[in-house]
C-alpha atoms as a PDB file:
ATOM      1  CA  MET A   1       3.918  -9.826  -8.284  1.00  0.00           C
ATOM      2  CA  ILE A   2       4.286  -7.780  -5.112  1.00  0.00           C
ATOM      3  CA  PRO A   3       2.164  -4.620  -4.802  1.00  0.00           C
ATOM      4  CA  ARG A   4       4.159  -1.619  -3.726  1.00  0.00           C
ATOM      5  CA  VAL A   5       3.426   1.613  -1.931  1.00  0.00           C
ATOM      6  CA  ILE A   6       2.547   4.316  -4.463  1.00  0.00           C
ATOM      7  CA  ALA A   7       3.518   7.941  -3.777  1.00  0.00           C
ATOM      8  CA  MET A   8       2.115  10.685  -6.017  1.00  0.00           C
ATOM      9  CA  ASN A   9       3.253  14.294  -5.808  1.00  0.00           C
ATOM     10  CA  GLY A  10       1.037  17.324  -5.748  1.00  0.00           C
ATOM     11  CA  THR A  11       1.646  20.399  -7.869  1.00  0.00           C
ATOM     12  CA  GLY A  12       4.446  22.002  -5.864  1.00  0.00           C
ATOM     13  CA  ASN A  13       4.564  22.597  -2.127  1.00  0.00           C
ATOM     14  CA  GLY A  14       1.052  24.112  -2.094  1.00  0.00           C
ATOM     15  CA  GLY A  15      -0.608  21.138  -3.808  1.00  0.00           C
ATOM     16  CA  VAL A  16      -1.954  17.819  -2.559  1.00  0.00           C
ATOM     17  CA  GLY A  17       0.090  14.600  -2.415  1.00  0.00           C
ATOM     18  CA  TYR A  18      -1.139  11.009  -2.161  1.00  0.00           C
ATOM     19  CA  VAL A  19       0.299   7.821  -0.650  1.00  0.00           C
ATOM     20  CA  TYR A  20      -1.429   4.486  -1.381  1.00  0.00           C
ATOM     21  CA  ILE A  21      -0.539   1.558   0.910  1.00  0.00           C
ATOM     22  CA  PRO A  22      -1.639  -2.008   0.048  1.00  0.00           C
ATOM     23  CA  VAL A  23      -2.162  -4.367   3.018  1.00  0.00           C
ATOM     24  CA  PHE A  24      -2.729  -8.095   2.469  1.00  0.00           C
ATOM     25  CA  THR A  25      -4.994 -10.349   4.533  1.00  0.00           C
ATOM     26  CA  GLU A  26      -5.332 -14.082   4.026  1.00  0.00           C
ATOM     27  CA  LEU A  27      -8.925 -15.183   3.494  1.00  0.00           C
ATOM     28  CA  SER A  28     -10.250 -18.390   5.010  1.00  0.00           C
ATOM     29  CA  THR A  29     -10.592 -21.108   2.375  1.00  0.00           C
ATOM     30  CA  PRO A  30     -13.627 -20.120   0.316  1.00  0.00           C
ATOM     31  CA  SER A  31     -15.922 -22.893  -0.929  1.00  0.00           C
ATOM     32  CA  VAL A  32     -15.360 -22.286  -4.634  1.00  0.00           C
ATOM     33  CA  GLY A  33     -13.539 -24.350  -7.247  1.00  0.00           C
ATOM     34  CA  ARG A  34     -10.396 -26.100  -6.109  1.00  0.00           C
ATOM     35  CA  GLY A  35      -7.296 -24.037  -6.822  1.00  0.00           C
ATOM     36  CA  ALA A  36      -9.273 -20.909  -7.802  1.00  0.00           C
ATOM     37  CA  LEU A  37      -7.505 -17.705  -6.795  1.00  0.00           C
ATOM     38  CA  ILE A  38      -9.779 -15.342  -4.852  1.00  0.00           C
ATOM     39  CA  VAL A  39      -8.770 -11.671  -4.581  1.00  0.00           C
ATOM     40  CA  LYS A  40     -11.058  -8.976  -3.204  1.00  0.00           C
ATOM     41  CA  VAL A  41     -10.824  -5.508  -1.730  1.00  0.00           C
ATOM     42  CA  ILE A  42     -11.905  -5.770   1.905  1.00  0.00           C
ATOM     43  CA  SER A  43     -11.685  -2.133   2.948  1.00  0.00           C
ATOM     44  CA  VAL A  44     -10.339   1.273   1.989  1.00  0.00           C
ATOM     45  CA  SER A  45      -9.525   3.913   4.584  1.00  0.00           C
ATOM     46  CA  SER A  46      -7.832   7.284   4.368  1.00  0.00           C
ATOM     47  CA  LEU A  47      -6.573  10.146   6.452  1.00  0.00           C
ATOM     48  CA  SER A  48      -5.065  13.502   5.661  1.00  0.00           C
ATOM     49  CA  ALA A  49      -1.892  14.916   7.114  1.00  0.00           C
ATOM     50  CA  ASN A  50      -0.829  18.551   7.123  1.00  0.00           C
ATOM     51  CA  ASN A  51       2.620  18.825   5.626  1.00  0.00           C
ATOM     52  CA  PRO A  52       3.930  22.279   6.609  1.00  0.00           C
ATOM     53  CA  THR A  53       7.398  21.724   5.123  1.00  0.00           C
ATOM     54  CA  GLY A  54       5.912  20.675   1.781  1.00  0.00           C
ATOM     55  CA  ASN A  55       8.088  17.535   1.675  1.00  0.00           C
ATOM     56  CA  LEU A  56       7.151  14.234   3.314  1.00  0.00           C
ATOM     57  CA  GLU A  57       9.513  11.269   3.069  1.00  0.00           C
ATOM     58  CA  VAL A  58       7.796   7.899   2.631  1.00  0.00           C
ATOM     59  CA  VAL A  59       9.872   4.819   3.442  1.00  0.00           C
ATOM     60  CA  GLU A  60       8.737   1.350   2.365  1.00  0.00           C
ATOM     61  CA  THR A  61      10.061  -1.832   3.936  1.00  0.00           C
ATOM     62  CA  CYS A  62       8.646  -5.222   3.010  1.00  0.00           C
ATOM     63  CA  SER A  63       9.796  -8.640   4.142  1.00  0.00           C
ATOM     64  CA  ILE A  64       8.546 -11.990   2.929  1.00  0.00           C
ATOM     65  CA  GLY A  65       9.839 -15.195   4.475  1.00  0.00           C
ATOM     66  CA  GLY A  66      12.784 -13.427   6.070  1.00  0.00           C
ATOM     67  CA  TYR A  67      13.890 -11.712   2.844  1.00  0.00           C
ATOM     68  CA  ALA A  68      13.764  -7.939   2.505  1.00  0.00           C
ATOM     69  CA  ILE A  69      12.333  -6.572  -0.741  1.00  0.00           C
ATOM     70  CA  PRO A  70      14.047  -4.732  -2.330  1.00  0.00           C
ATOM     71  CA  GLN A  71      17.311  -6.320  -1.286  1.00  0.00           C
ATOM     72  CA  GLY A  72      19.092  -4.102   1.175  1.00  0.00           C
ATOM     73  CA  GLY A  73      16.055  -3.076   3.177  1.00  0.00           C
ATOM     74  CA  ALA A  74      13.959  -0.047   2.327  1.00  0.00           C
ATOM     75  CA  ASP A  75      12.915   2.076  -0.618  1.00  0.00           C
ATOM     76  CA  SER A  76      11.894   5.707  -0.206  1.00  0.00           C
ATOM     77  CA  ALA A  77      10.287   8.637  -1.995  1.00  0.00           C
ATOM     78  CA  VAL A  78       9.523  12.260  -1.167  1.00  0.00           C
ATOM     79  CA  VAL A  79       5.911  13.432  -1.545  1.00  0.00           C
ATOM     80  CA  THR A  80       5.340  17.148  -2.063  1.00  0.00           C
ATOM     81  CA  GLY A  81       2.230  19.068  -1.140  1.00  0.00           C
ATOM     82  CA  SER A  82       0.862  21.040   1.806  1.00  0.00           C
ATOM     83  CA  THR A  83      -1.665  18.236   2.430  1.00  0.00           C
ATOM     84  CA  VAL A  84      -0.946  14.536   1.957  1.00  0.00           C
ATOM     85  CA  TYR A  85      -3.731  11.953   1.808  1.00  0.00           C
ATOM     86  CA  ILE A  86      -2.709   8.501   3.018  1.00  0.00           C
ATOM     87  CA  VAL A  87      -4.965   5.743   1.663  1.00  0.00           C
ATOM     88  CA  THR A  88      -4.770   2.171   3.019  1.00  0.00           C
ATOM     89  CA  ILE A  89      -6.256  -0.562   0.820  1.00  0.00           C
ATOM     90  CA  GLU A  90      -6.826  -3.932   2.514  1.00  0.00           C
ATOM     91  CA  ILE A  91      -6.751  -6.732  -0.055  1.00  0.00           C
ATOM     92  CA  GLY A  92      -7.879 -10.265   0.820  1.00  0.00           C
ATOM     93  CA  PHE A  93      -6.548 -13.302  -1.027  1.00  0.00           C
ATOM     94  CA  GLY A  94      -6.972 -17.050  -0.808  1.00  0.00           C
ATOM     95  CA  LEU A  95      -7.205 -20.300  -2.779  1.00  0.00           C
ATOM     96  CA  GLY A  96     -10.458 -22.148  -3.258  1.00  0.00           C
ATOM     97  CA  GLY A  97     -10.918 -25.477  -1.537  1.00  0.00           C
ATOM     98  CA  SER A  98     -12.735 -28.613  -2.571  1.00  0.00           C
END
């Protein structure tokens, strides 16, 4: 399971568009049950961007261990709206220790 960037269009060029970007951070080994998966939202931040053309291209590139996902490099989408809100969600993850 690999979270992806989510792009949501507004209602036409005069509406509001949204882009949600997940960012992963490794947590230090928490002192909970061995092998327990810990996932928590660390922070959420946002900013707005004026989009005078009404179309904003969002390009996603992700690489894990030297492999690009999706294969071939990048995926893209066009977000419509005169204002686009860009929301970054920092997600922490880790495995419990003994």
